[in-house]
Amino acid sequence: MNNKDILNRIKTIIAESNLTNSEFAKKIGIPKSSISHLLSERNNPSLDIIYKISTAFGDITTDYLIFGRKESLNNQINEPRELFSVPNEEISEDSVKDSNNKLKSIVLIYENNKFEQIDKL
């Protein structure tokens, strides 16, 4: 996930919807200056804007906007708890420390609904 990718997906949505930037801003319920600042790369997309886009456009998910995923994980699994389960094992601090999982990235979400991803270098 990076802000340029998110911005490119937003630009694509605007273009494919045949909306002006002002019409797009009105449709998602934000000031047109916010879209202008976003598209000029003065501001990064906030989680609030991402949420408003996915709400205004029913076929666009937050997973798509943030990660480029066409389908949400919820469509790929039966129960959300499967995301956090370890087959045939108890989750414990020791099992997490001893696992072979390597850190890929961390997503920080700030109180103002802005976010950033820190990728492992």
PDB file of N, CA and C in Angstrom:
ATOM      1  N   MET A   1       0.848  -1.173   0.000  1.00  0.00           N
ATOM      2  CA  MET A   1       0.000   0.000   0.000  1.00  0.00           C
ATOM      3  C   MET A   1       0.890   1.231   0.000  1.00  0.00           C
ATOM      4  N   ASN A   2       0.616   2.126  -0.912  1.00  0.00           N
ATOM      5  CA  ASN A   2       1.247   3.417  -0.803  1.00  0.00           C
ATOM      6  C   ASN A   2       0.281   4.471  -1.317  1.00  0.00           C
ATOM      7  N   ASN A   3       0.498   5.687  -0.886  1.00  0.00           N
ATOM      8  CA  ASN A   3      -0.447   6.761  -1.178  1.00  0.00           C
ATOM      9  C   ASN A   3      -0.598   7.028  -2.674  1.00  0.00           C
ATOM     10  N   LYS A   4       0.475   6.857  -3.448  1.00  0.00           N
ATOM     11  CA  LYS A   4       0.387   7.063  -4.905  1.00  0.00           C
ATOM     12  C   LYS A   4      -0.555   6.048  -5.536  1.00  0.00           C
ATOM     13  N   ASP A   5      -0.485   4.794  -5.080  1.00  0.00           N
ATOM     14  CA  ASP A   5      -1.381   3.763  -5.606  1.00  0.00           C
ATOM     15  C   ASP A   5      -2.836   4.088  -5.276  1.00  0.00           C
ATOM     16  N   ILE A   6      -3.069   4.513  -4.045  1.00  0.00           N
ATOM     17  CA  ILE A   6      -4.426   4.886  -3.637  1.00  0.00           C
ATOM     18  C   ILE A   6      -4.914   6.051  -4.483  1.00  0.00           C
ATOM     19  N   LEU A   7      -4.075   7.039  -4.655  1.00  0.00           N
ATOM     20  CA  LEU A   7      -4.430   8.215  -5.445  1.00  0.00           C
ATOM     21  C   LEU A   7      -4.741   7.824  -6.891  1.00  0.00           C
ATOM     22  N   ASN A   8      -3.948   6.931  -7.467  1.00  0.00           N
ATOM     23  CA  ASN A   8      -4.213   6.469  -8.836  1.00  0.00           C
ATOM     24  C   ASN A   8      -5.546   5.749  -8.937  1.00  0.00           C
ATOM     25  N   ARG A   9      -5.893   4.959  -7.916  1.00  0.00           N
ATOM     26  CA  ARG A   9      -7.197   4.281  -7.927  1.00  0.00           C
ATOM     27  C   ARG A   9      -8.331   5.302  -7.832  1.00  0.00           C
ATOM     28  N   ILE A  10      -8.148   6.345  -7.025  1.00  0.00           N
ATOM     29  CA  ILE A  10      -9.166   7.393  -6.911  1.00  0.00           C
ATOM     30  C   ILE A  10      -9.318   8.128  -8.244  1.00  0.00           C
ATOM     31  N   LYS A  11      -8.215   8.457  -8.902  1.00  0.00           N
ATOM     32  CA  LYS A  11      -8.270   9.116 -10.211  1.00  0.00           C
ATOM     33  C   LYS A  11      -9.000   8.242 -11.228  1.00  0.00           C
ATOM     34  N   THR A  12      -8.749   6.944 -11.186  1.00  0.00           N
ATOM     35  CA  THR A  12      -9.429   6.016 -12.090  1.00  0.00           C
ATOM     36  C   THR A  12     -10.928   6.005 -11.833  1.00  0.00           C
ATOM     37  N   ILE A  13     -11.314   6.004 -10.567  1.00  0.00           N
ATOM     38  CA  ILE A  13     -12.737   6.012 -10.219  1.00  0.00           C
ATOM     39  C   ILE A  13     -13.404   7.272 -10.758  1.00  0.00           C
ATOM     40  N   ILE A  14     -12.748   8.407 -10.591  1.00  0.00           N
ATOM     41  CA  ILE A  14     -13.303   9.675 -11.085  1.00  0.00           C
ATOM     42  C   ILE A  14     -13.467   9.612 -12.607  1.00  0.00           C
ATOM     43  N   ALA A  15     -12.442   9.151 -13.291  1.00  0.00           N
ATOM     44  CA  ALA A  15     -12.479   9.082 -14.759  1.00  0.00           C
ATOM     45  C   ALA A  15     -13.547   8.105 -15.248  1.00  0.00           C
ATOM     46  N   GLU A  16     -13.588   6.916 -14.656  1.00  0.00           N
ATOM     47  CA  GLU A  16     -14.540   5.897 -15.104  1.00  0.00           C
ATOM     48  C   GLU A  16     -15.981   6.253 -14.754  1.00  0.00           C
ATOM     49  N   SER A  17     -16.165   7.124 -13.772  1.00  0.00           N
ATOM     50  CA  SER A  17     -17.510   7.555 -13.379  1.00  0.00           C
ATOM     51  C   SER A  17     -17.992   8.735 -14.222  1.00  0.00           C
ATOM     52  N   ASN A  18     -17.095   9.243 -15.090  1.00  0.00           N
ATOM     53  CA  ASN A  18     -17.426  10.409 -15.919  1.00  0.00           C
ATOM     54  C   ASN A  18     -17.909  11.587 -15.084  1.00  0.00           C
ATOM     55  N   LEU A  19     -17.229  11.800 -13.953  1.00  0.00           N
ATOM     56  CA  LEU A  19     -17.559  12.909 -13.069  1.00  0.00           C
ATOM     57  C   LEU A  19     -16.444  13.941 -13.109  1.00  0.00           C
ATOM     58  N   THR A  20     -16.822  15.200 -12.928  1.00  0.00           N
ATOM     59  CA  THR A  20     -15.794  16.214 -12.727  1.00  0.00           C
ATOM     60  C   THR A  20     -15.294  16.062 -11.294  1.00  0.00           C
ATOM     61  N   ASN A  21     -14.192  16.700 -10.993  1.00  0.00           N
ATOM     62  CA  ASN A  21     -13.669  16.634  -9.623  1.00  0.00           C
ATOM     63  C   ASN A  21     -14.685  17.207  -8.631  1.00  0.00           C
ATOM     64  N   SER A  22     -15.376  18.280  -9.028  1.00  0.00           N
ATOM     65  CA  SER A  22     -16.393  18.895  -8.163  1.00  0.00           C
ATOM     66  C   SER A  22     -17.574  17.961  -7.946  1.00  0.00           C
ATOM     67  N   GLU A  23     -18.021  17.294  -9.010  1.00  0.00           N
ATOM     68  CA  GLU A  23     -19.142  16.349  -8.895  1.00  0.00           C
ATOM     69  C   GLU A  23     -18.759  15.171  -8.009  1.00  0.00           C
ATOM     70  N   PHE A  24     -17.523  14.698  -8.158  1.00  0.00           N
ATOM     71  CA  PHE A  24     -17.032  13.599  -7.337  1.00  0.00           C
ATOM     72  C   PHE A  24     -17.013  14.006  -5.865  1.00  0.00           C
ATOM     73  N   ALA A  25     -16.491  15.196  -5.586  1.00  0.00           N
ATOM     74  CA  ALA A  25     -16.436  15.692  -4.204  1.00  0.00           C
ATOM     75  C   ALA A  25     -17.836  15.774  -3.606  1.00  0.00           C
ATOM     76  N   LYS A  26     -18.774  16.285  -4.392  1.00  0.00           N
ATOM     77  CA  LYS A  26     -20.160  16.401  -3.908  1.00  0.00           C
ATOM     78  C   LYS A  26     -20.751  15.018  -3.653  1.00  0.00           C
ATOM     79  N   LYS A  27     -20.494  14.073  -4.553  1.00  0.00           N
ATOM     80  CA  LYS A  27     -21.038  12.717  -4.410  1.00  0.00           C
ATOM     81  C   LYS A  27     -20.543  12.033  -3.136  1.00  0.00           C
ATOM     82  N   ILE A  28     -19.271  12.246  -2.795  1.00  0.00           N
ATOM     83  CA  ILE A  28     -18.754  11.576  -1.589  1.00  0.00           C
ATOM     84  C   ILE A  28     -18.903  12.442  -0.341  1.00  0.00           C
ATOM     85  N   GLY A  29     -19.359  13.683  -0.515  1.00  0.00           N
ATOM     86  CA  GLY A  29     -19.670  14.526   0.639  1.00  0.00           C
ATOM     87  C   GLY A  29     -18.492  15.241   1.267  1.00  0.00           C
ATOM     88  N   ILE A  30     -17.571  15.712   0.442  1.00  0.00           N
ATOM     89  CA  ILE A  30     -16.444  16.479   0.968  1.00  0.00           C
ATOM     90  C   ILE A  30     -16.304  17.769   0.155  1.00  0.00           C
ATOM     91  N   PRO A  31     -15.630  18.782   0.695  1.00  0.00           N
ATOM     92  CA  PRO A  31     -15.429  20.019  -0.061  1.00  0.00           C
ATOM     93  C   PRO A  31     -14.587  19.768  -1.324  1.00  0.00           C
ATOM     94  N   LYS A  32     -14.900  20.504  -2.393  1.00  0.00           N
ATOM     95  CA  LYS A  32     -14.139  20.302  -3.628  1.00  0.00           C
ATOM     96  C   LYS A  32     -12.672  20.681  -3.461  1.00  0.00           C
ATOM     97  N   SER A  33     -12.378  21.565  -2.506  1.00  0.00           N
ATOM     98  CA  SER A  33     -10.972  21.902  -2.251  1.00  0.00           C
ATOM     99  C   SER A  33     -10.201  20.687  -1.726  1.00  0.00           C
ATOM    100  N   SER A  34     -10.875  19.815  -0.994  1.00  0.00           N
ATOM    101  CA  SER A  34     -10.215  18.604  -0.483  1.00  0.00           C
ATOM    102  C   SER A  34      -9.790  17.698  -1.633  1.00  0.00           C
ATOM    103  N   ILE A  35     -10.650  17.575  -2.644  1.00  0.00           N
ATOM    104  CA  ILE A  35     -10.306  16.764  -3.815  1.00  0.00           C
ATOM    105  C   ILE A  35      -9.171  17.422  -4.586  1.00  0.00           C
ATOM    106  N   SER A  36      -9.240  18.729  -4.716  1.00  0.00           N
ATOM    107  CA  SER A  36      -8.189  19.459  -5.421  1.00  0.00           C
ATOM    108  C   SER A  36      -6.834  19.240  -4.746  1.00  0.00           C
ATOM    109  N   HIS A  37      -6.795  19.347  -3.431  1.00  0.00           N
ATOM    110  CA  HIS A  37      -5.544  19.144  -2.681  1.00  0.00           C
ATOM    111  C   HIS A  37      -5.065  17.703  -2.796  1.00  0.00           C
ATOM    112  N   LEU A  38      -6.004  16.776  -2.811  1.00  0.00           N
ATOM    113  CA  LEU A  38      -5.667  15.366  -2.928  1.00  0.00           C
ATOM    114  C   LEU A  38      -5.074  15.068  -4.308  1.00  0.00           C
ATOM    115  N   LEU A  39      -5.753  15.518  -5.359  1.00  0.00           N
ATOM    116  CA  LEU A  39      -5.317  15.219  -6.721  1.00  0.00           C
ATOM    117  C   LEU A  39      -4.020  15.935  -7.096  1.00  0.00           C
ATOM    118  N   SER A  40      -3.763  17.065  -6.459  1.00  0.00           N
ATOM    119  CA  SER A  40      -2.493  17.771  -6.711  1.00  0.00           C
ATOM    120  C   SER A  40      -1.365  17.230  -5.833  1.00  0.00           C
ATOM    121  N   GLU A  41      -1.688  16.213  -5.043  1.00  0.00           N
ATOM    122  CA  GLU A  41      -0.751  15.541  -4.134  1.00  0.00           C
ATOM    123  C   GLU A  41      -0.261  16.440  -3.013  1.00  0.00           C
ATOM    124  N   ARG A  42      -1.034  17.492  -2.746  1.00  0.00           N
ATOM    125  CA  ARG A  42      -0.723  18.348  -1.597  1.00  0.00           C
ATOM    126  C   ARG A  42      -1.059  17.608  -0.298  1.00  0.00           C
ATOM    127  N   ASN A  43      -2.152  16.851  -0.325  1.00  0.00           N
ATOM    128  CA  ASN A  43      -2.576  16.046   0.823  1.00  0.00           C
ATOM    129  C   ASN A  43      -2.609  14.575   0.438  1.00  0.00           C
ATOM    130  N   ASN A  44      -2.424  13.707   1.424  1.00  0.00           N
ATOM    131  CA  ASN A  44      -2.588  12.269   1.227  1.00  0.00           C
ATOM    132  C   ASN A  44      -4.029  11.891   1.515  1.00  0.00           C
ATOM    133  N   PRO A  45      -4.520  10.808   0.912  1.00  0.00           N
ATOM    134  CA  PRO A  45      -5.892  10.387   1.188  1.00  0.00           C
ATOM    135  C   PRO A  45      -6.043   9.936   2.640  1.00  0.00           C
ATOM    136  N   SER A  46      -7.074  10.406   3.292  1.00  0.00           N
ATOM    137  CA  SER A  46      -7.338  10.008   4.676  1.00  0.00           C
ATOM    138  C   SER A  46      -8.265   8.797   4.681  1.00  0.00           C
ATOM    139  N   LEU A  47      -8.332   8.117   5.802  1.00  0.00           N
ATOM    140  CA  LEU A  47      -9.271   6.998   5.928  1.00  0.00           C
ATOM    141  C   LEU A  47     -10.705   7.481   5.788  1.00  0.00           C
ATOM    142  N   ASP A  48     -10.969   8.706   6.218  1.00  0.00           N
ATOM    143  CA  ASP A  48     -12.310   9.266   6.082  1.00  0.00           C
ATOM    144  C   ASP A  48     -12.700   9.367   4.611  1.00  0.00           C
ATOM    145  N   ILE A  49     -11.813   9.855   3.777  1.00  0.00           N
ATOM    146  CA  ILE A  49     -12.107   9.960   2.344  1.00  0.00           C
ATOM    147  C   ILE A  49     -12.261   8.570   1.732  1.00  0.00           C
ATOM    148  N   ILE A  50     -11.403   7.653   2.100  1.00  0.00           N
ATOM    149  CA  ILE A  50     -11.501   6.283   1.588  1.00  0.00           C
ATOM    150  C   ILE A  50     -12.845   5.674   1.969  1.00  0.00           C
ATOM    151  N   TYR A  51     -13.240   5.865   3.216  1.00  0.00           N
ATOM    152  CA  TYR A  51     -14.536   5.345   3.669  1.00  0.00           C
ATOM    153  C   TYR A  51     -15.687   5.986   2.892  1.00  0.00           C
ATOM    154  N   LYS A  52     -15.620   7.303   2.698  1.00  0.00           N
ATOM    155  CA  LYS A  52     -16.694   8.006   1.988  1.00  0.00           C
ATOM    156  C   LYS A  52     -16.795   7.547   0.532  1.00  0.00           C
ATOM    157  N   ILE A  53     -15.670   7.273  -0.101  1.00  0.00           N
ATOM    158  CA  ILE A  53     -15.702   6.773  -1.477  1.00  0.00           C
ATOM    159  C   ILE A  53     -16.360   5.399  -1.519  1.00  0.00           C
ATOM    160  N   SER A  54     -15.962   4.510  -0.610  1.00  0.00           N
ATOM    161  CA  SER A  54     -16.531   3.154  -0.628  1.00  0.00           C
ATOM    162  C   SER A  54     -18.014   3.164  -0.271  1.00  0.00           C
ATOM    163  N   THR A  55     -18.446   4.144   0.518  1.00  0.00           N
ATOM    164  CA  THR A  55     -19.860   4.254   0.866  1.00  0.00           C
ATOM    165  C   THR A  55     -20.659   4.807  -0.318  1.00  0.00           C
ATOM    166  N   ALA A  56     -20.110   5.813  -1.000  1.00  0.00           N
ATOM    167  CA  ALA A  56     -20.820   6.443  -2.117  1.00  0.00           C
ATOM    168  C   ALA A  56     -20.860   5.539  -3.352  1.00  0.00           C
ATOM    169  N   PHE A  57     -19.827   4.735  -3.535  1.00  0.00           N
ATOM    170  CA  PHE A  57     -19.755   3.818  -4.677  1.00  0.00           C
ATOM    171  C   PHE A  57     -19.839   2.403  -4.118  1.00  0.00           C
ATOM    172  N   GLY A  58     -21.014   1.816  -4.153  1.00  0.00           N
ATOM    173  CA  GLY A  58     -21.256   0.521  -3.519  1.00  0.00           C
ATOM    174  C   GLY A  58     -20.370  -0.610  -3.996  1.00  0.00           C
ATOM    175  N   ASP A  59     -19.870  -0.530  -5.232  1.00  0.00           N
ATOM    176  CA  ASP A  59     -19.052  -1.616  -5.757  1.00  0.00           C
ATOM    177  C   ASP A  59     -17.561  -1.438  -5.483  1.00  0.00           C
ATOM    178  N   ILE A  60     -17.201  -0.378  -4.783  1.00  0.00           N
ATOM    179  CA  ILE A  60     -15.790  -0.113  -4.472  1.00  0.00           C
ATOM    180  C   ILE A  60     -15.577  -0.322  -2.976  1.00  0.00           C
ATOM    181  N   THR A  61     -14.654  -1.210  -2.647  1.00  0.00           N
ATOM    182  CA  THR A  61     -14.389  -1.520  -1.245  1.00  0.00           C
ATOM    183  C   THR A  61     -13.175  -0.759  -0.736  1.00  0.00           C
ATOM    184  N   THR A  62     -13.094  -0.637   0.568  1.00  0.00           N
ATOM    185  CA  THR A  62     -11.908  -0.021   1.167  1.00  0.00           C
ATOM    186  C   THR A  62     -10.673  -0.877   0.893  1.00  0.00           C
ATOM    187  N   ASP A  63     -10.836  -2.201   0.834  1.00  0.00           N
ATOM    188  CA  ASP A  63      -9.718  -3.088   0.495  1.00  0.00           C
ATOM    189  C   ASP A  63      -9.159  -2.756  -0.883  1.00  0.00           C
ATOM    190  N   TYR A  64     -10.054  -2.471  -1.830  1.00  0.00           N
ATOM    191  CA  TYR A  64      -9.591  -2.112  -3.167  1.00  0.00           C
ATOM    192  C   TYR A  64      -8.837  -0.784  -3.133  1.00  0.00           C
ATOM    193  N   LEU A  65      -9.423   0.213  -2.469  1.00  0.00           N
ATOM    194  CA  LEU A  65      -8.786   1.530  -2.444  1.00  0.00           C
ATOM    195  C   LEU A  65      -7.420   1.502  -1.767  1.00  0.00           C
ATOM    196  N   ILE A  66      -7.312   0.792  -0.661  1.00  0.00           N
ATOM    197  CA  ILE A  66      -6.067   0.787   0.113  1.00  0.00           C
ATOM    198  C   ILE A  66      -5.049  -0.198  -0.453  1.00  0.00           C
ATOM    199  N   PHE A  67      -5.493  -1.419  -0.735  1.00  0.00           N
ATOM    200  CA  PHE A  67      -4.555  -2.478  -1.107  1.00  0.00           C
ATOM    201  C   PHE A  67      -4.636  -2.909  -2.570  1.00  0.00           C
ATOM    202  N   GLY A  68      -5.665  -2.458  -3.296  1.00  0.00           N
ATOM    203  CA  GLY A  68      -5.838  -2.881  -4.680  1.00  0.00           C
ATOM    204  C   GLY A  68      -6.505  -4.229  -4.817  1.00  0.00           C
ATOM    205  N   ARG A  69      -7.032  -4.764  -3.723  1.00  0.00           N
ATOM    206  CA  ARG A  69      -7.710  -6.066  -3.759  1.00  0.00           C
ATOM    207  C   ARG A  69      -9.085  -5.900  -4.385  1.00  0.00           C
ATOM    208  N   LYS A  70      -9.383  -6.757  -5.341  1.00  0.00           N
ATOM    209  CA  LYS A  70     -10.687  -6.710  -5.995  1.00  0.00           C
ATOM    210  C   LYS A  70     -11.773  -7.286  -5.093  1.00  0.00           C
ATOM    211  N   GLU A  71     -11.422  -8.297  -4.301  1.00  0.00           N
ATOM    212  CA  GLU A  71     -12.385  -8.916  -3.403  1.00  0.00           C
ATOM    213  C   GLU A  71     -11.942  -8.704  -1.971  1.00  0.00           C
ATOM    214  N   SER A  72     -12.899  -8.474  -1.108  1.00  0.00           N
ATOM    215  CA  SER A  72     -12.613  -8.327   0.309  1.00  0.00           C
ATOM    216  C   SER A  72     -12.279  -9.686   0.895  1.00  0.00           C
ATOM    217  N   LEU A  73     -11.455  -9.711   1.934  1.00  0.00           N
ATOM    218  CA  LEU A  73     -11.166 -10.968   2.619  1.00  0.00           C
ATOM    219  C   LEU A  73     -12.431 -11.607   3.153  1.00  0.00           C
ATOM    220  N   ASN A  74     -13.428 -10.803   3.507  1.00  0.00           N
ATOM    221  CA  ASN A  74     -14.672 -11.351   4.037  1.00  0.00           C
ATOM    222  C   ASN A  74     -15.379 -12.228   3.011  1.00  0.00           C
ATOM    223  N   ASN A  75     -15.130 -12.002   1.719  1.00  0.00           N
ATOM    224  CA  ASN A  75     -15.728 -12.832   0.682  1.00  0.00           C
ATOM    225  C   ASN A  75     -14.958 -14.126   0.476  1.00  0.00           C
ATOM    226  N   GLN A  76     -13.770 -14.229   1.021  1.00  0.00           N
ATOM    227  CA  GLN A  76     -12.919 -15.378   0.789  1.00  0.00           C
ATOM    228  C   GLN A  76     -12.916 -16.368   1.950  1.00  0.00           C
ATOM    229  N   ILE A  77     -13.482 -16.015   3.075  1.00  0.00           N
ATOM    230  CA  ILE A  77     -13.501 -16.899   4.231  1.00  0.00           C
ATOM    231  C   ILE A  77     -14.907 -17.005   4.788  1.00  0.00           C
ATOM    232  N   ASN A  78     -15.176 -18.065   5.521  1.00  0.00           N
ATOM    233  CA  ASN A  78     -16.504 -18.273   6.079  1.00  0.00           C
ATOM    234  C   ASN A  78     -16.728 -17.504   7.360  1.00  0.00           C
ATOM    235  N   GLU A  79     -15.733 -17.481   8.214  1.00  0.00           N
ATOM    236  CA  GLU A  79     -15.863 -16.797   9.490  1.00  0.00           C
ATOM    237  C   GLU A  79     -14.693 -15.844   9.675  1.00  0.00           C
ATOM    238  N   PRO A  80     -14.964 -14.598  10.085  1.00  0.00           N
ATOM    239  CA  PRO A  80     -13.868 -13.659  10.306  1.00  0.00           C
ATOM    240  C   PRO A  80     -12.828 -14.162  11.289  1.00  0.00           C
ATOM    241  N   ARG A  81     -13.232 -14.975  12.258  1.00  0.00           N
ATOM    242  CA  ARG A  81     -12.265 -15.438  13.243  1.00  0.00           C
ATOM    243  C   ARG A  81     -11.181 -16.318  12.637  1.00  0.00           C
ATOM    244  N   GLU A  82     -11.418 -16.859  11.410  1.00  0.00           N
ATOM    245  CA  GLU A  82     -10.394 -17.655  10.747  1.00  0.00           C
ATOM    246  C   GLU A  82      -9.134 -16.841  10.472  1.00  0.00           C
ATOM    247  N   LEU A  83      -9.286 -15.527  10.349  1.00  0.00           N
ATOM    248  CA  LEU A  83      -8.125 -14.680  10.116  1.00  0.00           C
ATOM    249  C   LEU A  83      -7.123 -14.764  11.261  1.00  0.00           C
ATOM    250  N   PHE A  84      -7.625 -15.045  12.450  1.00  0.00           N
ATOM    251  CA  PHE A  84      -6.785 -15.001  13.633  1.00  0.00           C
ATOM    252  C   PHE A  84      -6.533 -16.371  14.241  1.00  0.00           C
ATOM    253  N   SER A  85      -6.936 -17.422  13.579  1.00  0.00           N
ATOM    254  CA  SER A  85      -6.780 -18.743  14.160  1.00  0.00           C
ATOM    255  C   SER A  85      -5.500 -19.410  13.686  1.00  0.00           C
ATOM    256  N   VAL A  86      -4.972 -20.250  14.553  1.00  0.00           N
ATOM    257  CA  VAL A  86      -3.813 -21.059  14.218  1.00  0.00           C
ATOM    258  C   VAL A  86      -4.283 -22.503  14.266  1.00  0.00           C
ATOM    259  N   PRO A  87      -4.288 -23.207  13.140  1.00  0.00           N
ATOM    260  CA  PRO A  87      -4.817 -24.568  13.106  1.00  0.00           C
ATOM    261  C   PRO A  87      -4.095 -25.497  14.080  1.00  0.00           C
ATOM    262  N   ASN A  88      -4.885 -26.248  14.826  1.00  0.00           N
ATOM    263  CA  ASN A  88      -4.387 -27.277  15.739  1.00  0.00           C
ATOM    264  C   ASN A  88      -3.399 -26.760  16.789  1.00  0.00           C
ATOM    265  N   GLU A  89      -3.412 -25.491  17.063  1.00  0.00           N
ATOM    266  CA  GLU A  89      -2.500 -24.931  18.063  1.00  0.00           C
ATOM    267  C   GLU A  89      -3.226 -23.875  18.883  1.00  0.00           C
ATOM    268  N   GLU A  90      -2.757 -23.667  20.074  1.00  0.00           N
ATOM    269  CA  GLU A  90      -3.204 -22.550  20.887  1.00  0.00           C
ATOM    270  C   GLU A  90      -2.328 -21.358  20.550  1.00  0.00           C
ATOM    271  N   ILE A  91      -2.914 -20.184  20.488  1.00  0.00           N
ATOM    272  CA  ILE A  91      -2.095 -18.991  20.268  1.00  0.00           C
ATOM    273  C   ILE A  91      -1.523 -18.582  21.613  1.00  0.00           C
ATOM    274  N   SER A  92      -0.247 -18.495  21.681  1.00  0.00           N
ATOM    275  CA  SER A  92       0.412 -18.054  22.896  1.00  0.00           C
ATOM    276  C   SER A  92       1.548 -17.126  22.515  1.00  0.00           C
ATOM    277  N   GLU A  93       2.047 -16.416  23.495  1.00  0.00           N
ATOM    278  CA  GLU A  93       3.167 -15.518  23.238  1.00  0.00           C
ATOM    279  C   GLU A  93       4.359 -16.295  22.678  1.00  0.00           C
ATOM    280  N   ASP A  94       4.598 -17.494  23.215  1.00  0.00           N
ATOM    281  CA  ASP A  94       5.725 -18.305  22.744  1.00  0.00           C
ATOM    282  C   ASP A  94       5.531 -18.756  21.301  1.00  0.00           C
ATOM    283  N   SER A  95       4.279 -19.130  20.936  1.00  0.00           N
ATOM    284  CA  SER A  95       4.063 -19.592  19.564  1.00  0.00           C
ATOM    285  C   SER A  95       4.229 -18.458  18.572  1.00  0.00           C
ATOM    286  N   VAL A  96       3.892 -17.238  18.971  1.00  0.00           N
ATOM    287  CA  VAL A  96       4.084 -16.093  18.084  1.00  0.00           C
ATOM    288  C   VAL A  96       5.571 -15.796  17.931  1.00  0.00           C
ATOM    289  N   LYS A  97       6.302 -15.812  19.047  1.00  0.00           N
ATOM    290  CA  LYS A  97       7.738 -15.529  18.997  1.00  0.00           C
ATOM    291  C   LYS A  97       8.487 -16.589  18.208  1.00  0.00           C
ATOM    292  N   ASP A  98       8.066 -17.858  18.312  1.00  0.00           N
ATOM    293  CA  ASP A  98       8.771 -18.957  17.662  1.00  0.00           C
ATOM    294  C   ASP A  98       8.331 -19.169  16.221  1.00  0.00           C
ATOM    295  N   SER A  99       7.327 -18.447  15.770  1.00  0.00           N
ATOM    296  CA  SER A  99       6.841 -18.672  14.406  1.00  0.00           C
ATOM    297  C   SER A  99       7.866 -18.190  13.393  1.00  0.00           C
ATOM    298  N   ASN A 100       7.690 -18.643  12.174  1.00  0.00           N
ATOM    299  CA  ASN A 100       8.576 -18.230  11.088  1.00  0.00           C
ATOM    300  C   ASN A 100       8.037 -17.004  10.369  1.00  0.00           C
ATOM    301  N   ASN A 101       6.986 -16.406  10.895  1.00  0.00           N
ATOM    302  CA  ASN A 101       6.421 -15.223  10.259  1.00  0.00           C
ATOM    303  C   ASN A 101       7.387 -14.059  10.378  1.00  0.00           C
ATOM    304  N   LYS A 102       7.529 -13.362   9.286  1.00  0.00           N
ATOM    305  CA  LYS A 102       8.394 -12.187   9.247  1.00  0.00           C
ATOM    306  C   LYS A 102       7.519 -10.950   9.083  1.00  0.00           C
ATOM    307  N   LEU A 103       7.888  -9.895   9.747  1.00  0.00           N
ATOM    308  CA  LEU A 103       7.152  -8.643   9.658  1.00  0.00           C
ATOM    309  C   LEU A 103       7.273  -8.081   8.256  1.00  0.00           C
ATOM    310  N   LYS A 104       6.123  -7.736   7.648  1.00  0.00           N
ATOM    311  CA  LYS A 104       6.127  -7.164   6.307  1.00  0.00           C
ATOM    312  C   LYS A 104       5.896  -5.659   6.366  1.00  0.00           C
ATOM    313  N   SER A 105       4.890  -5.240   7.122  1.00  0.00           N
ATOM    314  CA  SER A 105       4.612  -3.808   7.231  1.00  0.00           C
ATOM    315  C   SER A 105       3.720  -3.555   8.436  1.00  0.00           C
ATOM    316  N   ILE A 106       3.646  -2.287   8.809  1.00  0.00           N
ATOM    317  CA  ILE A 106       2.798  -1.835   9.904  1.00  0.00           C
ATOM    318  C   ILE A 106       1.976  -0.666   9.382  1.00  0.00           C
ATOM    319  N   VAL A 107       0.683  -0.656   9.687  1.00  0.00           N
ATOM    320  CA  VAL A 107      -0.174   0.461   9.311  1.00  0.00           C
ATOM    321  C   VAL A 107      -0.497   1.245  10.574  1.00  0.00           C
ATOM    322  N   LEU A 108      -0.164   2.541  10.557  1.00  0.00           N
ATOM    323  CA  LEU A 108      -0.466   3.436  11.676  1.00  0.00           C
ATOM    324  C   LEU A 108      -1.704   4.240  11.320  1.00  0.00           C
ATOM    325  N   ILE A 109      -2.676   4.274  12.210  1.00  0.00           N
ATOM    326  CA  ILE A 109      -3.887   5.058  12.004  1.00  0.00           C
ATOM    327  C   ILE A 109      -3.930   6.116  13.089  1.00  0.00           C
ATOM    328  N   TYR A 110      -3.955   7.376  12.657  1.00  0.00           N
ATOM    329  CA  TYR A 110      -3.926   8.494  13.575  1.00  0.00           C
ATOM    330  C   TYR A 110      -5.338   8.930  13.946  1.00  0.00           C
ATOM    331  N   GLU A 111      -5.459   9.698  15.031  1.00  0.00           N
ATOM    332  CA  GLU A 111      -6.758  10.165  15.504  1.00  0.00           C
ATOM    333  C   GLU A 111      -7.497  11.009  14.469  1.00  0.00           C
ATOM    334  N   ASN A 112      -6.785  11.685  13.589  1.00  0.00           N
ATOM    335  CA  ASN A 112      -7.437  12.506  12.569  1.00  0.00           C
ATOM    336  C   ASN A 112      -7.825  11.684  11.340  1.00  0.00           C
ATOM    337  N   ASN A 113      -7.791  10.343  11.460  1.00  0.00           N
ATOM    338  CA  ASN A 113      -8.157   9.387  10.413  1.00  0.00           C
ATOM    339  C   ASN A 113      -7.165   9.322   9.266  1.00  0.00           C
ATOM    340  N   LYS A 114      -6.024   9.955   9.397  1.00  0.00           N
ATOM    341  CA  LYS A 114      -4.983   9.785   8.400  1.00  0.00           C
ATOM    342  C   LYS A 114      -4.203   8.536   8.776  1.00  0.00           C
ATOM    343  N   PHE A 115      -3.516   7.972   7.807  1.00  0.00           N
ATOM    344  CA  PHE A 115      -2.770   6.752   8.072  1.00  0.00           C
ATOM    345  C   PHE A 115      -1.501   6.738   7.243  1.00  0.00           C
ATOM    346  N   GLU A 116      -0.613   5.856   7.624  1.00  0.00           N
ATOM    347  CA  GLU A 116       0.582   5.628   6.836  1.00  0.00           C
ATOM    348  C   GLU A 116       1.008   4.184   7.032  1.00  0.00           C
ATOM    349  N   GLN A 117       1.693   3.675   6.040  1.00  0.00           N
ATOM    350  CA  GLN A 117       2.209   2.317   6.113  1.00  0.00           C
ATOM    351  C   GLN A 117       3.715   2.391   6.190  1.00  0.00           C
ATOM    352  N   ILE A 118       4.268   1.611   7.090  1.00  0.00           N
ATOM    353  CA  ILE A 118       5.709   1.515   7.228  1.00  0.00           C
ATOM    354  C   ILE A 118       6.094   0.121   6.762  1.00  0.00           C
ATOM    355  N   ASP A 119       6.792   0.077   5.619  1.00  0.00           N
ATOM    356  CA  ASP A 119       7.236  -1.201   5.074  1.00  0.00           C
ATOM    357  C   ASP A 119       8.593  -1.556   5.636  1.00  0.00           C
ATOM    358  N   LYS A 120       8.800  -2.842   5.811  1.00  0.00           N
ATOM    359  CA  LYS A 120      10.102  -3.311   6.267  1.00  0.00           C
ATOM    360  C   LYS A 120      11.126  -2.993   5.180  1.00  0.00           C
ATOM    361  N   LEU A 121      12.198  -2.397   5.573  1.00  0.00           N
ATOM    362  CA  LEU A 121      13.221  -2.011   4.583  1.00  0.00           C
ATOM    363  C   LEU A 121      14.159  -3.129   4.289  1.00  0.00           C
TER     364      LEU A 121
END
